[in-house]
Amino acid sequence: MSQETVVKSYYPNRGYGFLINPEGDGDILFRKCGRRNPSSDSTLNGDTPNKGQKVEILTLTQNKKGLRATQWRLL
């Protein structure tokens, strides 16, 4: 699954970005690998996307809080 989209809003003090999914599925959470989340692939993800950046979502996972992008590339 691969999809390009633009990050609509961003919360830099918390270290993650939200985007509004173009298909209307709600917010997708992007989170960098860190001490709290060592399982995410930080080598692929690099940086957390900022507002207005284009990203290509490579892998989406569903959790209790909603959709989460676990792999992405900044375009």
N, C-alpha and C. Protein backbone atom coordinates (compact mmCIF):
# COMPACT_ATOMS: atom_id res chain seq x y z
N MET A 1 0.85 -1.18 0.00
CA MET A 1 0.00 0.00 0.00
C MET A 1 0.88 1.23 0.00
N SER A 2 0.70 2.08 -0.97
CA SER A 2 1.50 3.30 -1.06
C SER A 2 0.57 4.43 -1.46
N GLN A 3 0.71 5.55 -0.78
CA GLN A 3 -0.17 6.67 -1.09
C GLN A 3 0.55 7.96 -0.76
N GLU A 4 0.39 8.96 -1.63
CA GLU A 4 1.00 10.27 -1.39
C GLU A 4 -0.05 11.19 -0.81
N THR A 5 0.38 12.04 0.11
CA THR A 5 -0.55 13.00 0.70
C THR A 5 0.25 14.12 1.32
N VAL A 6 -0.43 15.14 1.79
CA VAL A 6 0.21 16.31 2.38
C VAL A 6 -0.20 16.41 3.84
N VAL A 7 0.77 16.68 4.69
CA VAL A 7 0.50 16.83 6.12
C VAL A 7 -0.25 18.15 6.34
N LYS A 8 -1.40 18.07 7.01
CA LYS A 8 -2.25 19.24 7.18
C LYS A 8 -1.99 19.99 8.49
N SER A 9 -1.69 19.27 9.54
CA SER A 9 -1.42 19.94 10.81
C SER A 9 -0.32 19.20 11.53
N TYR A 10 0.35 19.90 12.44
CA TYR A 10 1.54 19.32 13.05
C TYR A 10 1.68 19.86 14.47
N TYR A 11 2.08 19.00 15.37
CA TYR A 11 2.25 19.36 16.77
C TYR A 11 3.71 19.15 17.17
N PRO A 12 4.58 20.13 16.91
CA PRO A 12 6.01 19.90 17.08
C PRO A 12 6.44 19.62 18.52
N ASN A 13 5.71 20.17 19.50
CA ASN A 13 6.13 19.96 20.88
C ASN A 13 5.92 18.52 21.31
N ARG A 14 5.07 17.78 20.62
CA ARG A 14 4.84 16.38 20.97
C ARG A 14 5.61 15.44 20.06
N GLY A 15 6.20 15.98 19.00
CA GLY A 15 7.03 15.15 18.14
C GLY A 15 6.27 14.26 17.18
N TYR A 16 5.03 14.62 16.84
CA TYR A 16 4.35 13.86 15.81
C TYR A 16 3.48 14.75 14.95
N GLY A 17 3.16 14.27 13.78
CA GLY A 17 2.34 15.03 12.85
C GLY A 17 1.06 14.29 12.53
N PHE A 18 0.01 15.05 12.32
CA PHE A 18 -1.26 14.48 11.89
C PHE A 18 -1.54 14.94 10.47
N LEU A 19 -2.12 14.09 9.67
CA LEU A 19 -2.62 14.55 8.39
C LEU A 19 -4.04 14.08 8.21
N ILE A 20 -4.77 14.82 7.41
CA ILE A 20 -6.14 14.42 7.10
C ILE A 20 -6.08 13.55 5.85
N ASN A 21 -6.50 12.34 6.01
CA ASN A 21 -6.45 11.38 4.91
C ASN A 21 -7.40 11.84 3.80
N PRO A 22 -6.93 11.88 2.55
CA PRO A 22 -7.79 12.35 1.46
C PRO A 22 -9.03 11.50 1.24
N GLU A 23 -8.98 10.24 1.64
CA GLU A 23 -10.16 9.38 1.48
C GLU A 23 -11.19 9.60 2.58
N GLY A 24 -10.90 10.47 3.52
CA GLY A 24 -11.86 10.75 4.57
C GLY A 24 -11.83 9.76 5.71
N ASP A 25 -10.72 9.05 5.88
CA ASP A 25 -10.63 8.07 6.96
C ASP A 25 -10.16 8.68 8.27
N GLY A 26 -10.00 10.00 8.31
CA GLY A 26 -9.61 10.64 9.55
C GLY A 26 -8.12 10.95 9.59
N ASP A 27 -7.59 11.06 10.79
CA ASP A 27 -6.20 11.46 10.98
C ASP A 27 -5.28 10.26 10.93
N ILE A 28 -4.09 10.47 10.38
CA ILE A 28 -3.04 9.46 10.41
C ILE A 28 -1.90 10.02 11.25
N LEU A 29 -1.44 9.23 12.17
CA LEU A 29 -0.37 9.66 13.07
C LEU A 29 0.98 9.21 12.53
N PHE A 30 1.92 10.15 12.49
CA PHE A 30 3.30 9.85 12.11
C PHE A 30 4.15 10.02 13.36
N ARG A 31 4.96 9.03 13.67
CA ARG A 31 5.81 9.17 14.85
C ARG A 31 7.19 8.62 14.56
N LYS A 32 8.18 9.40 14.95
CA LYS A 32 9.56 8.94 14.78
C LYS A 32 9.87 7.83 15.78
N CYS A 33 10.86 7.05 15.44
CA CYS A 33 11.37 6.05 16.36
C CYS A 33 12.01 6.76 17.56
N GLY A 34 11.79 6.24 18.73
CA GLY A 34 12.38 6.84 19.92
C GLY A 34 12.39 5.85 21.05
N ARG A 35 12.72 6.33 22.24
CA ARG A 35 12.78 5.43 23.39
C ARG A 35 11.42 4.82 23.69
N ARG A 36 10.35 5.57 23.44
CA ARG A 36 9.03 5.05 23.73
C ARG A 36 8.52 4.12 22.64
N ASN A 37 9.12 4.22 21.45
CA ASN A 37 8.61 3.44 20.32
C ASN A 37 9.79 2.85 19.54
N PRO A 38 10.54 1.93 20.15
CA PRO A 38 11.75 1.43 19.50
C PRO A 38 11.48 0.51 18.31
N SER A 39 10.23 0.09 18.14
CA SER A 39 9.95 -0.88 17.08
C SER A 39 9.76 -0.24 15.71
N SER A 40 9.55 1.09 15.66
CA SER A 40 9.30 1.70 14.36
C SER A 40 10.61 1.80 13.56
N ASP A 41 10.47 1.85 12.27
CA ASP A 41 11.63 1.80 11.38
C ASP A 41 12.15 3.21 11.13
N SER A 42 13.06 3.68 11.98
CA SER A 42 13.52 5.05 11.87
C SER A 42 14.46 5.24 10.69
N THR A 43 15.09 4.17 10.22
CA THR A 43 16.00 4.32 9.09
C THR A 43 15.23 4.69 7.83
N LEU A 44 14.03 4.15 7.67
CA LEU A 44 13.20 4.50 6.52
C LEU A 44 12.52 5.85 6.75
N ASN A 45 12.01 6.04 7.94
CA ASN A 45 11.18 7.22 8.19
C ASN A 45 11.99 8.51 8.25
N GLY A 46 13.18 8.45 8.79
CA GLY A 46 13.95 9.68 8.92
C GLY A 46 13.26 10.63 9.86
N ASP A 47 12.76 11.73 9.34
CA ASP A 47 12.16 12.76 10.19
C ASP A 47 10.65 12.67 10.19
N THR A 48 10.08 13.15 11.29
CA THR A 48 8.64 13.31 11.34
C THR A 48 8.24 14.40 10.36
N PRO A 49 7.21 14.19 9.55
CA PRO A 49 6.84 15.21 8.58
C PRO A 49 6.28 16.47 9.24
N ASN A 50 6.56 17.60 8.63
CA ASN A 50 6.05 18.88 9.10
C ASN A 50 4.82 19.28 8.30
N LYS A 51 4.13 20.27 8.81
CA LYS A 51 2.94 20.77 8.12
C LYS A 51 3.28 21.20 6.71
N GLY A 52 2.47 20.79 5.76
CA GLY A 52 2.67 21.18 4.38
C GLY A 52 3.61 20.30 3.59
N GLN A 53 4.30 19.37 4.26
CA GLN A 53 5.22 18.48 3.54
C GLN A 53 4.46 17.37 2.84
N LYS A 54 4.96 16.98 1.68
CA LYS A 54 4.39 15.83 0.99
C LYS A 54 5.07 14.57 1.50
N VAL A 55 4.28 13.57 1.74
CA VAL A 55 4.82 12.30 2.21
C VAL A 55 4.20 11.17 1.39
N GLU A 56 4.94 10.10 1.26
CA GLU A 56 4.42 8.88 0.67
C GLU A 56 4.28 7.87 1.80
N ILE A 57 3.05 7.43 2.04
CA ILE A 57 2.80 6.46 3.10
C ILE A 57 3.05 5.07 2.53
N LEU A 58 3.91 4.32 3.18
CA LEU A 58 4.24 2.98 2.72
C LEU A 58 3.48 1.92 3.50
N THR A 59 3.34 2.11 4.81
CA THR A 59 2.64 1.12 5.63
C THR A 59 1.75 1.84 6.63
N LEU A 60 0.49 1.43 6.69
CA LEU A 60 -0.44 1.95 7.67
C LEU A 60 -0.83 0.82 8.62
N THR A 61 -0.94 1.14 9.89
CA THR A 61 -1.45 0.16 10.85
C THR A 61 -2.60 0.80 11.61
N GLN A 62 -3.53 -0.02 12.04
CA GLN A 62 -4.69 0.44 12.79
C GLN A 62 -4.48 0.08 14.25
N ASN A 63 -4.66 1.05 15.14
CA ASN A 63 -4.64 0.74 16.56
C ASN A 63 -5.87 1.35 17.22
N LYS A 64 -5.93 1.28 18.55
CA LYS A 64 -7.13 1.74 19.25
C LYS A 64 -7.40 3.22 19.00
N LYS A 65 -6.34 3.99 18.83
CA LYS A 65 -6.50 5.43 18.67
C LYS A 65 -6.72 5.84 17.22
N GLY A 66 -6.57 4.92 16.28
CA GLY A 66 -6.79 5.28 14.89
C GLY A 66 -5.68 4.77 13.99
N LEU A 67 -5.57 5.39 12.83
CA LEU A 67 -4.57 4.98 11.86
C LEU A 67 -3.20 5.55 12.22
N ARG A 68 -2.18 4.75 11.98
CA ARG A 68 -0.83 5.19 12.26
C ARG A 68 0.06 4.81 11.09
N ALA A 69 0.82 5.77 10.60
CA ALA A 69 1.77 5.49 9.53
C ALA A 69 3.04 4.97 10.19
N THR A 70 3.35 3.69 9.95
CA THR A 70 4.54 3.12 10.56
C THR A 70 5.74 3.17 9.63
N GLN A 71 5.50 3.37 8.34
CA GLN A 71 6.60 3.55 7.39
C GLN A 71 6.19 4.62 6.39
N TRP A 72 7.08 5.58 6.16
CA TRP A 72 6.80 6.62 5.19
C TRP A 72 8.10 7.20 4.65
N ARG A 73 7.98 7.93 3.57
CA ARG A 73 9.11 8.66 2.99
C ARG A 73 8.69 10.09 2.78
N LEU A 74 9.56 11.03 3.12
CA LEU A 74 9.29 12.43 2.78
C LEU A 74 9.60 12.64 1.31
N LEU A 75 8.74 13.36 0.60
CA LEU A 75 8.93 13.59 -0.84
C LEU A 75 9.54 14.97 -1.09
